[in-house]
Amino acid sequence: MTTATATTSERVHEALREVLDPDLGVNVVDLGFLYSVDIDSAGGVTLKMTLTSPACPLTKVMEDQIHTALVESGIVPSVTVEWVFSPVWTPARISPDGRDQLRAIGFSM
């Protein structure tokens, strides 16, 4: 991985911290929804992401937030989100910061 790619990957992760799960108000990175960031030679990004359930009706809302955070902000020229459900998301994927945020809104973690 080149330094430019690593920097871009870091910027992508940081920008995705602005993308909130509409139900929980916690960002998708801390919830563990982001599985991978792949950057092509043109700087376009493909994200592999998951949700708590394949039946979640909020994928379009989250895709719009992701597009705003990455493309409209000028971080990347394009983004594709691939929703994957294997491996299955579990609460074990939530970061310590995510757990703190969930506790702050009343969840027991």
PDB file of N, CA and C in Angstrom:
ATOM      1  N   MET A   1       0.849  -1.173   0.000  1.00  0.00           N
ATOM      2  CA  MET A   1       0.000   0.000   0.000  1.00  0.00           C
ATOM      3  C   MET A   1       0.894   1.235   0.000  1.00  0.00           C
ATOM      4  N   THR A   2       0.598   2.177  -0.864  1.00  0.00           N
ATOM      5  CA  THR A   2       1.400   3.386  -0.917  1.00  0.00           C
ATOM      6  C   THR A   2       0.960   4.355   0.165  1.00  0.00           C
ATOM      7  N   THR A   3       1.805   5.331   0.423  1.00  0.00           N
ATOM      8  CA  THR A   3       1.458   6.342   1.417  1.00  0.00           C
ATOM      9  C   THR A   3       0.215   7.103   0.996  1.00  0.00           C
ATOM     10  N   ALA A   4       0.110   7.427  -0.303  1.00  0.00           N
ATOM     11  CA  ALA A   4      -1.066   8.155  -0.782  1.00  0.00           C
ATOM     12  C   ALA A   4      -2.331   7.354  -0.541  1.00  0.00           C
ATOM     13  N   THR A   5      -2.286   6.041  -0.806  1.00  0.00           N
ATOM     14  CA  THR A   5      -3.453   5.203  -0.568  1.00  0.00           C
ATOM     15  C   THR A   5      -3.776   5.140   0.916  1.00  0.00           C
ATOM     16  N   ALA A   6      -2.757   4.969   1.749  1.00  0.00           N
ATOM     17  CA  ALA A   6      -2.991   4.906   3.190  1.00  0.00           C
ATOM     18  C   ALA A   6      -3.609   6.199   3.688  1.00  0.00           C
ATOM     19  N   THR A   7      -3.100   7.323   3.208  1.00  0.00           N
ATOM     20  CA  THR A   7      -3.646   8.610   3.618  1.00  0.00           C
ATOM     21  C   THR A   7      -5.091   8.732   3.167  1.00  0.00           C
ATOM     22  N   THR A   8      -5.376   8.336   1.932  1.00  0.00           N
ATOM     23  CA  THR A   8      -6.740   8.412   1.435  1.00  0.00           C
ATOM     24  C   THR A   8      -7.653   7.496   2.239  1.00  0.00           C
ATOM     25  N   SER A   9      -7.182   6.306   2.545  1.00  0.00           N
ATOM     26  CA  SER A   9      -7.975   5.380   3.350  1.00  0.00           C
ATOM     27  C   SER A   9      -8.266   5.981   4.724  1.00  0.00           C
ATOM     28  N   GLU A  10      -7.272   6.602   5.313  1.00  0.00           N
ATOM     29  CA  GLU A  10      -7.482   7.254   6.611  1.00  0.00           C
ATOM     30  C   GLU A  10      -8.502   8.383   6.489  1.00  0.00           C
ATOM     31  N   ARG A  11      -8.403   9.164   5.412  1.00  0.00           N
ATOM     32  CA  ARG A  11      -9.360  10.260   5.211  1.00  0.00           C
ATOM     33  C   ARG A  11     -10.772   9.714   5.015  1.00  0.00           C
ATOM     34  N   VAL A  12     -10.883   8.602   4.302  1.00  0.00           N
ATOM     35  CA  VAL A  12     -12.194   7.983   4.095  1.00  0.00           C
ATOM     36  C   VAL A  12     -12.772   7.545   5.438  1.00  0.00           C
ATOM     37  N   HIS A  13     -11.979   6.858   6.239  1.00  0.00           N
ATOM     38  CA  HIS A  13     -12.454   6.430   7.558  1.00  0.00           C
ATOM     39  C   HIS A  13     -12.888   7.631   8.395  1.00  0.00           C
ATOM     40  N   GLU A  14     -12.078   8.676   8.394  1.00  0.00           N
ATOM     41  CA  GLU A  14     -12.397   9.861   9.190  1.00  0.00           C
ATOM     42  C   GLU A  14     -13.689  10.512   8.703  1.00  0.00           C
ATOM     43  N   ALA A  15     -13.850  10.636   7.388  1.00  0.00           N
ATOM     44  CA  ALA A  15     -15.064  11.238   6.832  1.00  0.00           C
ATOM     45  C   ALA A  15     -16.297  10.405   7.156  1.00  0.00           C
ATOM     46  N   LEU A  16     -16.146   9.084   7.171  1.00  0.00           N
ATOM     47  CA  LEU A  16     -17.294   8.215   7.457  1.00  0.00           C
ATOM     48  C   LEU A  16     -17.739   8.310   8.913  1.00  0.00           C
ATOM     49  N   ARG A  17     -16.928   8.886   9.764  1.00  0.00           N
ATOM     50  CA  ARG A  17     -17.353   9.120  11.152  1.00  0.00           C
ATOM     51  C   ARG A  17     -18.463  10.174  11.226  1.00  0.00           C
ATOM     52  N   GLU A  18     -18.679  10.881  10.117  1.00  0.00           N
ATOM     53  CA  GLU A  18     -19.772  11.857  10.041  1.00  0.00           C
ATOM     54  C   GLU A  18     -21.081  11.208   9.587  1.00  0.00           C
ATOM     55  N   VAL A  19     -21.019   9.961   9.167  1.00  0.00           N
ATOM     56  CA  VAL A  19     -22.204   9.241   8.689  1.00  0.00           C
ATOM     57  C   VAL A  19     -22.816   8.502   9.871  1.00  0.00           C
ATOM     58  N   LEU A  20     -24.016   8.917  10.241  1.00  0.00           N
ATOM     59  CA  LEU A  20     -24.665   8.363  11.425  1.00  0.00           C
ATOM     60  C   LEU A  20     -25.747   7.364  11.061  1.00  0.00           C
ATOM     61  N   ASP A  21     -25.838   6.309  11.855  1.00  0.00           N
ATOM     62  CA  ASP A  21     -26.983   5.409  11.751  1.00  0.00           C
ATOM     63  C   ASP A  21     -28.202   6.237  12.151  1.00  0.00           C
ATOM     64  N   PRO A  22     -29.206   6.369  11.271  1.00  0.00           N
ATOM     65  CA  PRO A  22     -30.353   7.226  11.570  1.00  0.00           C
ATOM     66  C   PRO A  22     -31.139   6.805  12.809  1.00  0.00           C
ATOM     67  N   ASP A  23     -31.125   5.530  13.137  1.00  0.00           N
ATOM     68  CA  ASP A  23     -31.858   5.062  14.314  1.00  0.00           C
ATOM     69  C   ASP A  23     -31.109   5.328  15.609  1.00  0.00           C
ATOM     70  N   LEU A  24     -29.788   5.189  15.584  1.00  0.00           N
ATOM     71  CA  LEU A  24     -28.999   5.248  16.814  1.00  0.00           C
ATOM     72  C   LEU A  24     -28.256   6.560  17.014  1.00  0.00           C
ATOM     73  N   GLY A  25     -27.970   7.270  15.929  1.00  0.00           N
ATOM     74  CA  GLY A  25     -27.212   8.508  16.049  1.00  0.00           C
ATOM     75  C   GLY A  25     -25.740   8.288  16.345  1.00  0.00           C
ATOM     76  N   VAL A  26     -25.237   7.091  16.053  1.00  0.00           N
ATOM     77  CA  VAL A  26     -23.829   6.748  16.244  1.00  0.00           C
ATOM     78  C   VAL A  26     -23.245   6.495  14.857  1.00  0.00           C
ATOM     79  N   ASN A  27     -21.986   6.886  14.660  1.00  0.00           N
ATOM     80  CA  ASN A  27     -21.410   6.773  13.315  1.00  0.00           C
ATOM     81  C   ASN A  27     -21.155   5.319  12.909  1.00  0.00           C
ATOM     82  N   VAL A  28     -21.138   5.118  11.590  1.00  0.00           N
ATOM     83  CA  VAL A  28     -21.033   3.773  11.026  1.00  0.00           C
ATOM     84  C   VAL A  28     -19.681   3.114  11.282  1.00  0.00           C
ATOM     85  N   VAL A  29     -18.638   3.917  11.472  1.00  0.00           N
ATOM     86  CA  VAL A  29     -17.317   3.349  11.765  1.00  0.00           C
ATOM     87  C   VAL A  29     -17.315   2.764  13.172  1.00  0.00           C
ATOM     88  N   ASP A  30     -17.768   3.543  14.153  1.00  0.00           N
ATOM     89  CA  ASP A  30     -17.780   3.056  15.535  1.00  0.00           C
ATOM     90  C   ASP A  30     -18.779   1.926  15.752  1.00  0.00           C
ATOM     91  N   LEU A  31     -19.822   1.866  14.935  1.00  0.00           N
ATOM     92  CA  LEU A  31     -20.765   0.751  15.039  1.00  0.00           C
ATOM     93  C   LEU A  31     -20.217  -0.530  14.413  1.00  0.00           C
ATOM     94  N   GLY A  32     -19.114  -0.416  13.690  1.00  0.00           N
ATOM     95  CA  GLY A  32     -18.521  -1.603  13.065  1.00  0.00           C
ATOM     96  C   GLY A  32     -19.194  -2.005  11.770  1.00  0.00           C
ATOM     97  N   PHE A  33     -19.878  -1.071  11.122  1.00  0.00           N
ATOM     98  CA  PHE A  33     -20.565  -1.375   9.866  1.00  0.00           C
ATOM     99  C   PHE A  33     -19.618  -1.385   8.667  1.00  0.00           C
ATOM    100  N   LEU A  34     -18.462  -0.758   8.787  1.00  0.00           N
ATOM    101  CA  LEU A  34     -17.513  -0.675   7.680  1.00  0.00           C
ATOM    102  C   LEU A  34     -16.577  -1.877   7.716  1.00  0.00           C
ATOM    103  N   TYR A  35     -16.649  -2.713   6.684  1.00  0.00           N
ATOM    104  CA  TYR A  35     -15.791  -3.895   6.606  1.00  0.00           C
ATOM    105  C   TYR A  35     -14.509  -3.622   5.838  1.00  0.00           C
ATOM    106  N   SER A  36     -14.598  -2.868   4.732  1.00  0.00           N
ATOM    107  CA  SER A  36     -13.377  -2.592   3.973  1.00  0.00           C
ATOM    108  C   SER A  36     -13.531  -1.345   3.120  1.00  0.00           C
ATOM    109  N   VAL A  37     -12.378  -0.755   2.796  1.00  0.00           N
ATOM    110  CA  VAL A  37     -12.278   0.392   1.895  1.00  0.00           C
ATOM    111  C   VAL A  37     -11.301  -0.004   0.800  1.00  0.00           C
ATOM    112  N   ASP A  38     -11.775  -0.060  -0.435  1.00  0.00           N
ATOM    113  CA  ASP A  38     -10.912  -0.361  -1.577  1.00  0.00           C
ATOM    114  C   ASP A  38     -10.837   0.882  -2.453  1.00  0.00           C
ATOM    115  N   ILE A  39      -9.622   1.279  -2.788  1.00  0.00           N
ATOM    116  CA  ILE A  39      -9.397   2.489  -3.568  1.00  0.00           C
ATOM    117  C   ILE A  39      -8.815   2.097  -4.918  1.00  0.00           C
ATOM    118  N   ASP A  40      -9.479   2.530  -5.996  1.00  0.00           N
ATOM    119  CA  ASP A  40      -8.966   2.201  -7.327  1.00  0.00           C
ATOM    120  C   ASP A  40      -7.919   3.219  -7.775  1.00  0.00           C
ATOM    121  N   SER A  41      -7.344   2.997  -8.937  1.00  0.00           N
ATOM    122  CA  SER A  41      -6.247   3.842  -9.417  1.00  0.00           C
ATOM    123  C   SER A  41      -6.680   5.279  -9.698  1.00  0.00           C
ATOM    124  N   ALA A  42      -7.971   5.494  -9.926  1.00  0.00           N
ATOM    125  CA  ALA A  42      -8.483   6.844 -10.168  1.00  0.00           C
ATOM    126  C   ALA A  42      -8.900   7.537  -8.875  1.00  0.00           C
ATOM    127  N   GLY A  43      -8.769   6.847  -7.749  1.00  0.00           N
ATOM    128  CA  GLY A  43      -9.150   7.429  -6.465  1.00  0.00           C
ATOM    129  C   GLY A  43     -10.577   7.137  -6.058  1.00  0.00           C
ATOM    130  N   GLY A  44     -11.321   6.428  -6.911  1.00  0.00           N
ATOM    131  CA  GLY A  44     -12.681   6.033  -6.551  1.00  0.00           C
ATOM    132  C   GLY A  44     -12.650   4.988  -5.451  1.00  0.00           C
ATOM    133  N   VAL A  45     -13.687   4.972  -4.655  1.00  0.00           N
ATOM    134  CA  VAL A  45     -13.724   4.104  -3.479  1.00  0.00           C
ATOM    135  C   VAL A  45     -14.898   3.138  -3.564  1.00  0.00           C
ATOM    136  N   THR A  46     -14.628   1.883  -3.201  1.00  0.00           N
ATOM    137  CA  THR A  46     -15.679   0.893  -2.993  1.00  0.00           C
ATOM    138  C   THR A  46     -15.642   0.514  -1.525  1.00  0.00           C
ATOM    139  N   LEU A  47     -16.779   0.664  -0.872  1.00  0.00           N
ATOM    140  CA  LEU A  47     -16.907   0.321   0.538  1.00  0.00           C
ATOM    141  C   LEU A  47     -17.682  -0.973   0.662  1.00  0.00           C
ATOM    142  N   LYS A  48     -17.203  -1.884   1.473  1.00  0.00           N
ATOM    143  CA  LYS A  48     -17.998  -3.047   1.855  1.00  0.00           C
ATOM    144  C   LYS A  48     -18.494  -2.742   3.254  1.00  0.00           C
ATOM    145  N   MET A  49     -19.822  -2.730   3.369  1.00  0.00           N
ATOM    146  CA  MET A  49     -20.447  -2.366   4.633  1.00  0.00           C
ATOM    147  C   MET A  49     -21.564  -3.341   4.951  1.00  0.00           C
ATOM    148  N   THR A  50     -21.962  -3.316   6.195  1.00  0.00           N
ATOM    149  CA  THR A  50     -23.062  -4.150   6.634  1.00  0.00           C
ATOM    150  C   THR A  50     -24.001  -3.316   7.487  1.00  0.00           C
ATOM    151  N   LEU A  51     -25.086  -3.924   7.894  1.00  0.00           N
ATOM    152  CA  LEU A  51     -26.056  -3.317   8.801  1.00  0.00           C
ATOM    153  C   LEU A  51     -26.458  -4.371   9.819  1.00  0.00           C
ATOM    154  N   THR A  52     -27.224  -3.973  10.790  1.00  0.00           N
ATOM    155  CA  THR A  52     -27.643  -4.934  11.808  1.00  0.00           C
ATOM    156  C   THR A  52     -28.585  -5.983  11.236  1.00  0.00           C
ATOM    157  N   SER A  53     -29.251  -5.656  10.117  1.00  0.00           N
ATOM    158  CA  SER A  53     -30.197  -6.583   9.506  1.00  0.00           C
ATOM    159  C   SER A  53     -30.247  -6.356   7.999  1.00  0.00           C
ATOM    160  N   PRO A  54     -30.315  -7.424   7.202  1.00  0.00           N
ATOM    161  CA  PRO A  54     -30.464  -7.252   5.754  1.00  0.00           C
ATOM    162  C   PRO A  54     -31.769  -6.547   5.378  1.00  0.00           C
ATOM    163  N   ALA A  55     -32.743  -6.558   6.273  1.00  0.00           N
ATOM    164  CA  ALA A  55     -34.036  -5.944   5.995  1.00  0.00           C
ATOM    165  C   ALA A  55     -34.086  -4.463   6.370  1.00  0.00           C
ATOM    166  N   CYS A  56     -32.980  -3.891   6.782  1.00  0.00           N
ATOM    167  CA  CYS A  56     -32.945  -2.488   7.200  1.00  0.00           C
ATOM    168  C   CYS A  56     -33.431  -1.590   6.059  1.00  0.00           C
ATOM    169  N   PRO A  57     -34.424  -0.744   6.316  1.00  0.00           N
ATOM    170  CA  PRO A  57     -34.963   0.113   5.260  1.00  0.00           C
ATOM    171  C   PRO A  57     -34.163   1.405   5.050  1.00  0.00           C
ATOM    172  N   LEU A  58     -33.058   1.577   5.762  1.00  0.00           N
ATOM    173  CA  LEU A  58     -32.348   2.854   5.742  1.00  0.00           C
ATOM    174  C   LEU A  58     -31.097   2.870   4.863  1.00  0.00           C
ATOM    175  N   THR A  59     -30.925   1.863   4.006  1.00  0.00           N
ATOM    176  CA  THR A  59     -29.709   1.824   3.188  1.00  0.00           C
ATOM    177  C   THR A  59     -29.593   3.056   2.295  1.00  0.00           C
ATOM    178  N   LYS A  60     -30.678   3.498   1.698  1.00  0.00           N
ATOM    179  CA  LYS A  60     -30.636   4.669   0.803  1.00  0.00           C
ATOM    180  C   LYS A  60     -30.246   5.923   1.578  1.00  0.00           C
ATOM    181  N   VAL A  61     -30.788   6.099   2.763  1.00  0.00           N
ATOM    182  CA  VAL A  61     -30.448   7.255   3.596  1.00  0.00           C
ATOM    183  C   VAL A  61     -28.956   7.249   3.903  1.00  0.00           C
ATOM    184  N   MET A  62     -28.440   6.092   4.269  1.00  0.00           N
ATOM    185  CA  MET A  62     -27.025   5.994   4.599  1.00  0.00           C
ATOM    186  C   MET A  62     -26.152   6.179   3.358  1.00  0.00           C
ATOM    187  N   GLU A  63     -26.568   5.645   2.217  1.00  0.00           N
ATOM    188  CA  GLU A  63     -25.808   5.848   0.981  1.00  0.00           C
ATOM    189  C   GLU A  63     -25.734   7.332   0.629  1.00  0.00           C
ATOM    190  N   ASP A  64     -26.834   8.052   0.825  1.00  0.00           N
ATOM    191  CA  ASP A  64     -26.831   9.496   0.566  1.00  0.00           C
ATOM    192  C   ASP A  64     -25.859  10.216   1.498  1.00  0.00           C
ATOM    193  N   GLN A  65     -25.846   9.844   2.777  1.00  0.00           N
ATOM    194  CA  GLN A  65     -24.907  10.444   3.730  1.00  0.00           C
ATOM    195  C   GLN A  65     -23.461  10.132   3.339  1.00  0.00           C
ATOM    196  N   ILE A  66     -23.214   8.910   2.912  1.00  0.00           N
ATOM    197  CA  ILE A  66     -21.868   8.493   2.503  1.00  0.00           C
ATOM    198  C   ILE A  66     -21.419   9.299   1.289  1.00  0.00           C
ATOM    199  N   HIS A  67     -22.303   9.456   0.311  1.00  0.00           N
ATOM    200  CA  HIS A  67     -21.981  10.236  -0.887  1.00  0.00           C
ATOM    201  C   HIS A  67     -21.635  11.674  -0.495  1.00  0.00           C
ATOM    202  N   THR A  68     -22.419  12.267   0.380  1.00  0.00           N
ATOM    203  CA  THR A  68     -22.152  13.633   0.836  1.00  0.00           C
ATOM    204  C   THR A  68     -20.807  13.720   1.544  1.00  0.00           C
ATOM    205  N   ALA A  69     -20.545  12.772   2.444  1.00  0.00           N
ATOM    206  CA  ALA A  69     -19.312  12.801   3.241  1.00  0.00           C
ATOM    207  C   ALA A  69     -18.062  12.596   2.396  1.00  0.00           C
ATOM    208  N   LEU A  70     -18.171  11.824   1.330  1.00  0.00           N
ATOM    209  CA  LEU A  70     -16.979  11.485   0.549  1.00  0.00           C
ATOM    210  C   LEU A  70     -16.868  12.210  -0.787  1.00  0.00           C
ATOM    211  N   VAL A  71     -17.940  12.207  -1.569  1.00  0.00           N
ATOM    212  CA  VAL A  71     -17.869  12.769  -2.920  1.00  0.00           C
ATOM    213  C   VAL A  71     -18.133  14.273  -2.904  1.00  0.00           C
ATOM    214  N   GLU A  72     -19.236  14.681  -2.300  1.00  0.00           N
ATOM    215  CA  GLU A  72     -19.568  16.105  -2.295  1.00  0.00           C
ATOM    216  C   GLU A  72     -18.544  16.926  -1.522  1.00  0.00           C
ATOM    217  N   SER A  73     -17.868  16.311  -0.573  1.00  0.00           N
ATOM    218  CA  SER A  73     -16.828  17.014   0.186  1.00  0.00           C
ATOM    219  C   SER A  73     -15.505  17.068  -0.572  1.00  0.00           C
ATOM    220  N   GLY A  74     -15.398  16.323  -1.680  1.00  0.00           N
ATOM    221  CA  GLY A  74     -14.194  16.345  -2.498  1.00  0.00           C
ATOM    222  C   GLY A  74     -13.099  15.388  -2.060  1.00  0.00           C
ATOM    223  N   ILE A  75     -13.393  14.496  -1.137  1.00  0.00           N
ATOM    224  CA  ILE A  75     -12.376  13.549  -0.667  1.00  0.00           C
ATOM    225  C   ILE A  75     -12.078  12.497  -1.731  1.00  0.00           C
ATOM    226  N   VAL A  76     -13.126  12.011  -2.399  1.00  0.00           N
ATOM    227  CA  VAL A  76     -12.956  11.028  -3.473  1.00  0.00           C
ATOM    228  C   VAL A  76     -13.838  11.428  -4.650  1.00  0.00           C
ATOM    229  N   PRO A  77     -13.479  10.986  -5.874  1.00  0.00           N
ATOM    230  CA  PRO A  77     -14.304  11.331  -7.034  1.00  0.00           C
ATOM    231  C   PRO A  77     -15.577  10.492  -7.155  1.00  0.00           C
ATOM    232  N   SER A  78     -15.567   9.291  -6.589  1.00  0.00           N
ATOM    233  CA  SER A  78     -16.746   8.424  -6.677  1.00  0.00           C
ATOM    234  C   SER A  78     -16.729   7.420  -5.532  1.00  0.00           C
ATOM    235  N   VAL A  79     -17.920   6.946  -5.200  1.00  0.00           N
ATOM    236  CA  VAL A  79     -18.028   5.937  -4.145  1.00  0.00           C
ATOM    237  C   VAL A  79     -19.122   4.946  -4.524  1.00  0.00           C
ATOM    238  N   THR A  80     -18.840   3.677  -4.271  1.00  0.00           N
ATOM    239  CA  THR A  80     -19.812   2.601  -4.433  1.00  0.00           C
ATOM    240  C   THR A  80     -19.907   1.888  -3.095  1.00  0.00           C
ATOM    241  N   VAL A  81     -21.129   1.636  -2.654  1.00  0.00           N
ATOM    242  CA  VAL A  81     -21.331   0.897  -1.407  1.00  0.00           C
ATOM    243  C   VAL A  81     -21.854  -0.485  -1.757  1.00  0.00           C
ATOM    244  N   GLU A  82     -21.141  -1.497  -1.308  1.00  0.00           N
ATOM    245  CA  GLU A  82     -21.595  -2.883  -1.445  1.00  0.00           C
ATOM    246  C   GLU A  82     -22.057  -3.338  -0.068  1.00  0.00           C
ATOM    247  N   TRP A  83     -23.344  -3.621   0.057  1.00  0.00           N
ATOM    248  CA  TRP A  83     -23.888  -4.106   1.326  1.00  0.00           C
ATOM    249  C   TRP A  83     -23.660  -5.604   1.392  1.00  0.00           C
ATOM    250  N   VAL A  84     -22.984  -6.049   2.417  1.00  0.00           N
ATOM    251  CA  VAL A  84     -22.681  -7.466   2.598  1.00  0.00           C
ATOM    252  C   VAL A  84     -23.183  -7.913   3.970  1.00  0.00           C
ATOM    253  N   PHE A  85     -23.552  -9.171   4.059  1.00  0.00           N
ATOM    254  CA  PHE A  85     -24.088  -9.667   5.331  1.00  0.00           C
ATOM    255  C   PHE A  85     -23.379 -10.930   5.791  1.00  0.00           C
ATOM    256  N   SER A  86     -22.185 -11.107   5.265  1.00  0.00           N
ATOM    257  CA  SER A  86     -21.321 -12.186   5.706  1.00  0.00           C
ATOM    258  C   SER A  86     -19.907 -11.629   5.747  1.00  0.00           C
ATOM    259  N   PRO A  87     -19.293 -11.608   6.888  1.00  0.00           N
ATOM    260  CA  PRO A  87     -19.788 -12.145   8.152  1.00  0.00           C
ATOM    261  C   PRO A  87     -20.925 -11.292   8.713  1.00  0.00           C
ATOM    262  N   VAL A  88     -21.733 -11.935   9.497  1.00  0.00           N
ATOM    263  CA  VAL A  88     -22.876 -11.284  10.121  1.00  0.00           C
ATOM    264  C   VAL A  88     -22.374 -10.261  11.140  1.00  0.00           C
ATOM    265  N   TRP A  89     -23.007  -9.090  11.147  1.00  0.00           N
ATOM    266  CA  TRP A  89     -22.665  -8.071  12.134  1.00  0.00           C
ATOM    267  C   TRP A  89     -23.108  -8.547  13.516  1.00  0.00           C
ATOM    268  N   THR A  90     -22.269  -8.290  14.519  1.00  0.00           N
ATOM    269  CA  THR A  90     -22.632  -8.543  15.915  1.00  0.00           C
ATOM    270  C   THR A  90     -22.180  -7.345  16.736  1.00  0.00           C
ATOM    271  N   PRO A  91     -22.737  -7.162  17.928  1.00  0.00           N
ATOM    272  CA  PRO A  91     -22.314  -6.049  18.779  1.00  0.00           C
ATOM    273  C   PRO A  91     -20.826  -6.073  19.129  1.00  0.00           C
ATOM    274  N   ALA A  92     -20.174  -7.204  18.975  1.00  0.00           N
ATOM    275  CA  ALA A  92     -18.734  -7.280  19.244  1.00  0.00           C
ATOM    276  C   ALA A  92     -17.939  -6.371  18.303  1.00  0.00           C
ATOM    277  N   ARG A  93     -18.521  -5.982  17.174  1.00  0.00           N
ATOM    278  CA  ARG A  93     -17.841  -5.101  16.215  1.00  0.00           C
ATOM    279  C   ARG A  93     -17.856  -3.638  16.650  1.00  0.00           C
ATOM    280  N   ILE A  94     -18.655  -3.286  17.636  1.00  0.00           N
ATOM    281  CA  ILE A  94     -18.752  -1.893  18.088  1.00  0.00           C
ATOM    282  C   ILE A  94     -17.459  -1.502  18.804  1.00  0.00           C
ATOM    283  N   SER A  95     -16.928  -0.344  18.437  1.00  0.00           N
ATOM    284  CA  SER A  95     -15.687   0.147  19.046  1.00  0.00           C
ATOM    285  C   SER A  95     -15.952   0.618  20.482  1.00  0.00           C
ATOM    286  N   PRO A  96     -14.904   0.781  21.277  1.00  0.00           N
ATOM    287  CA  PRO A  96     -15.088   1.337  22.625  1.00  0.00           C
ATOM    288  C   PRO A  96     -15.775   2.708  22.593  1.00  0.00           C
ATOM    289  N   ASP A  97     -15.417   3.565  21.629  1.00  0.00           N
ATOM    290  CA  ASP A  97     -16.089   4.865  21.519  1.00  0.00           C
ATOM    291  C   ASP A  97     -17.568   4.686  21.187  1.00  0.00           C
ATOM    292  N   GLY A  98     -17.865   3.742  20.310  1.00  0.00           N
ATOM    293  CA  GLY A  98     -19.256   3.462  19.966  1.00  0.00           C
ATOM    294  C   GLY A  98     -20.041   2.972  21.170  1.00  0.00           C
ATOM    295  N   ARG A  99     -19.421   2.135  21.978  1.00  0.00           N
ATOM    296  CA  ARG A  99     -20.074   1.640  23.197  1.00  0.00           C
ATOM    297  C   ARG A  99     -20.361   2.794  24.156  1.00  0.00           C
ATOM    298  N   ASP A 100     -19.406   3.705  24.285  1.00  0.00           N
ATOM    299  CA  ASP A 100     -19.618   4.879  25.144  1.00  0.00           C
ATOM    300  C   ASP A 100     -20.779   5.721  24.634  1.00  0.00           C
ATOM    301  N   GLN A 101     -20.850   5.910  23.316  1.00  0.00           N
ATOM    302  CA  GLN A 101     -21.938   6.695  22.734  1.00  0.00           C
ATOM    303  C   GLN A 101     -23.286   6.017  22.968  1.00  0.00           C
ATOM    304  N   LEU A 102     -23.326   4.700  22.832  1.00  0.00           N
ATOM    305  CA  LEU A 102     -24.576   3.972  23.057  1.00  0.00           C
ATOM    306  C   LEU A 102     -24.985   4.008  24.524  1.00  0.00           C
ATOM    307  N   ARG A 103     -24.021   3.888  25.422  1.00  0.00           N
ATOM    308  CA  ARG A 103     -24.330   4.003  26.857  1.00  0.00           C
ATOM    309  C   ARG A 103     -24.912   5.378  27.172  1.00  0.00           C
ATOM    310  N   ALA A 104     -24.367   6.405  26.533  1.00  0.00           N
ATOM    311  CA  ALA A 104     -24.813   7.778  26.782  1.00  0.00           C
ATOM    312  C   ALA A 104     -26.271   7.997  26.383  1.00  0.00           C
ATOM    313  N   ILE A 105     -26.775   7.178  25.456  1.00  0.00           N
ATOM    314  CA  ILE A 105     -28.183   7.321  25.060  1.00  0.00           C
ATOM    315  C   ILE A 105     -29.062   6.226  25.664  1.00  0.00           C
ATOM    316  N   GLY A 106     -28.514   5.501  26.650  1.00  0.00           N
ATOM    317  CA  GLY A 106     -29.341   4.589  27.419  1.00  0.00           C
ATOM    318  C   GLY A 106     -29.212   3.113  27.145  1.00  0.00           C
ATOM    319  N   PHE A 107     -28.338   2.714  26.229  1.00  0.00           N
ATOM    320  CA  PHE A 107     -28.145   1.287  25.982  1.00  0.00           C
ATOM    321  C   PHE A 107     -27.204   0.717  27.029  1.00  0.00           C
ATOM    322  N   SER A 108     -27.470  -0.518  27.456  1.00  0.00           N
ATOM    323  CA  SER A 108     -26.523  -1.166  28.366  1.00  0.00           C
ATOM    324  C   SER A 108     -25.563  -1.981  27.516  1.00  0.00           C
ATOM    325  N   MET A 109     -24.308  -1.723  27.697  1.00  0.00           N
ATOM    326  CA  MET A 109     -23.285  -2.386  26.878  1.00  0.00           C
ATOM    327  C   MET A 109     -22.324  -3.123  27.786  1.00  0.00           C
TER     328      MET A 109
END
